[in-house]
Amino acid sequence: MLTDYGSARFVGVEQKYGGRYLPENDKYAAQTIAHNTIVVDETSHFDGKEKEAEKYHADKLFSDISRPGVQVVAAKTDQAYKGTRLKRTVYMLQLPGGKKLVADIFNTYSAEQHQYDLPFQYHGLLIST
């Protein structure tokens, strides 16, 4: 499972005022860093502009889920950050003994130098900060 903070609403009815979204849903949870994806220059995809982001989607490069032992999907986008291409490939591999391994590979391409951050979200329940 690739843990993703996503939207702040699913657990903790008491802490969330009867089940509504938390205030973080429009703040932290709306930022790229809240999701397990690469962040360029400490800036959210599409500069954090939801209406702009809704105009685009990633382009699937390939996928193969026909074999239970090796499943893979890959996609790319040139739209999230100006002048930067993001490519992500995720493999799910069946290992001996019934265990599974997920390999999540990012590639970035740009003519300019950038700072890249890849968050790893805490696998638990964030109630407040």
Protein backbone atom coordinates (compact mmCIF):
# COMPACT_ATOMS: atom_id res chain seq x y z
CA MET A 1 0.00 0.00 0.00
CA LEU A 2 1.30 3.45 -0.87
CA THR A 3 0.25 5.53 2.11
CA ASP A 4 -1.12 8.95 1.19
CA TYR A 5 -2.30 11.64 3.57
CA GLY A 6 -4.85 12.80 1.01
CA SER A 7 -7.87 14.47 2.52
CA ALA A 8 -8.24 14.95 6.24
CA ARG A 9 -11.60 13.40 6.96
CA PHE A 10 -11.78 9.63 7.27
CA VAL A 11 -11.04 8.86 10.91
CA GLY A 12 -11.81 10.38 14.27
CA VAL A 13 -15.38 11.63 14.26
CA GLU A 14 -14.96 13.32 17.66
CA GLN A 15 -11.79 15.13 16.63
CA LYS A 16 -13.37 16.09 13.33
CA TYR A 17 -16.46 17.77 14.74
CA GLY A 18 -18.88 14.99 13.81
CA GLY A 19 -17.15 13.80 10.63
CA ARG A 20 -16.65 17.00 8.64
CA TYR A 21 -13.40 17.75 6.83
CA LEU A 22 -10.67 19.14 9.04
CA PRO A 23 -9.32 22.65 8.43
CA GLU A 24 -6.13 20.95 7.18
CA ASN A 25 -8.08 19.68 4.16
CA ASP A 26 -7.87 23.13 2.55
CA LYS A 27 -4.34 23.77 3.80
CA TYR A 28 -1.82 20.94 4.24
CA ALA A 29 -3.89 18.22 2.54
CA ALA A 30 -4.30 20.43 -0.54
CA GLN A 31 -0.53 20.70 -1.06
CA THR A 32 1.58 18.31 -3.12
CA ILE A 33 3.81 17.54 -0.12
CA ALA A 34 0.80 15.85 1.58
CA HIS A 35 0.81 13.17 -1.09
CA ASN A 36 3.44 10.59 -1.90
CA THR A 37 4.68 12.28 -5.04
CA ILE A 38 7.69 14.32 -5.96
CA VAL A 39 7.78 18.04 -5.13
CA VAL A 40 9.86 20.47 -7.19
CA ASP A 41 11.42 23.55 -5.56
CA GLU A 42 9.16 23.28 -2.49
CA THR A 43 6.14 24.24 -4.63
CA SER A 44 2.89 22.36 -5.18
CA HIS A 45 2.01 21.04 -8.61
CA PHE A 46 0.42 23.76 -10.76
CA ASP A 47 1.51 26.31 -8.11
CA GLY A 48 -1.28 24.95 -5.93
CA LYS A 49 -3.99 26.23 -8.29
CA GLU A 50 -6.73 23.60 -8.29
CA LYS A 51 -8.61 25.01 -11.29
CA GLU A 52 -5.41 24.88 -13.36
CA ALA A 53 -4.63 21.33 -12.23
CA GLU A 54 -8.11 20.15 -13.23
CA LYS A 55 -7.29 20.96 -16.87
CA TYR A 56 -4.62 18.23 -17.09
CA HIS A 57 -3.97 14.58 -16.40
CA ALA A 58 -0.92 12.36 -16.59
CA ASP A 59 -0.34 10.39 -19.78
CA LYS A 60 -0.13 6.64 -19.31
CA LEU A 61 3.01 5.27 -20.92
CA PHE A 62 2.25 1.60 -20.35
CA SER A 63 0.79 -0.90 -17.93
CA ASP A 64 0.76 -4.64 -17.56
CA ILE A 65 -1.34 -6.20 -14.82
CA SER A 66 -1.91 -9.48 -16.64
CA ARG A 67 0.66 -11.43 -14.61
CA PRO A 68 0.12 -11.70 -10.84
CA GLY A 69 3.87 -12.05 -10.19
CA VAL A 70 4.87 -8.79 -11.87
CA GLN A 71 2.48 -5.87 -12.32
CA VAL A 72 3.57 -2.46 -13.58
CA VAL A 73 2.15 0.90 -14.57
CA ALA A 74 3.98 4.02 -15.80
CA ALA A 75 2.81 7.56 -16.53
CA LYS A 76 4.31 10.99 -17.21
CA THR A 77 3.36 14.64 -17.16
CA ASP A 78 4.96 17.79 -18.49
CA GLN A 79 2.26 20.03 -17.02
CA ALA A 80 2.72 20.01 -13.22
CA TYR A 81 5.86 22.21 -13.25
CA LYS A 82 6.98 24.50 -16.07
CA GLY A 83 10.00 23.04 -17.85
CA THR A 84 10.02 19.79 -15.89
CA ARG A 85 8.86 16.33 -16.94
CA LEU A 86 7.82 13.91 -14.22
CA LYS A 87 7.70 10.18 -14.88
CA ARG A 88 6.56 7.58 -12.35
CA THR A 89 6.70 3.81 -12.64
CA VAL A 90 5.21 1.52 -9.99
CA TYR A 91 5.91 -2.21 -9.88
CA MET A 92 4.21 -4.74 -7.63
CA LEU A 93 6.26 -7.92 -7.40
CA GLN A 94 5.25 -11.25 -5.88
CA LEU A 95 8.18 -12.59 -3.85
CA PRO A 96 8.82 -16.13 -2.67
CA GLY A 97 6.91 -17.03 0.48
CA GLY A 98 3.83 -14.99 -0.44
CA LYS A 99 5.35 -11.58 0.31
CA LYS A 100 4.96 -8.64 -2.04
CA LEU A 101 7.26 -5.77 -2.87
CA VAL A 102 6.27 -2.39 -4.30
CA ALA A 103 8.94 -0.47 -6.21
CA ASP A 104 7.96 3.16 -6.82
CA ILE A 105 10.40 4.85 -9.22
CA PHE A 106 10.43 8.55 -10.10
CA ASN A 107 12.36 10.12 -12.96
CA THR A 108 12.56 13.87 -13.46
CA TYR A 109 13.84 15.69 -16.52
CA SER A 110 14.65 19.39 -16.77
CA ALA A 111 17.18 21.64 -18.51
CA GLU A 112 17.53 23.57 -15.25
CA GLN A 113 18.67 22.54 -11.79
CA HIS A 114 15.93 22.02 -9.18
CA GLN A 115 15.45 20.83 -5.63
CA TYR A 116 13.44 17.62 -5.52
CA ASP A 117 11.72 16.31 -2.39
CA LEU A 118 9.97 12.99 -2.07
CA PRO A 119 7.88 12.79 1.09
CA PHE A 120 7.25 9.55 2.89
CA GLN A 121 4.04 9.89 4.85
CA TYR A 122 3.65 8.61 8.37
CA HIS A 123 1.52 5.48 8.35
CA GLY A 124 -0.86 6.40 11.14
CA LEU A 125 -3.58 8.86 11.97
CA LEU A 126 -2.72 12.55 11.96
CA ILE A 127 -5.38 14.23 14.09
CA SER A 128 -3.92 17.69 14.65
CA THR A 129 -0.73 19.69 14.19
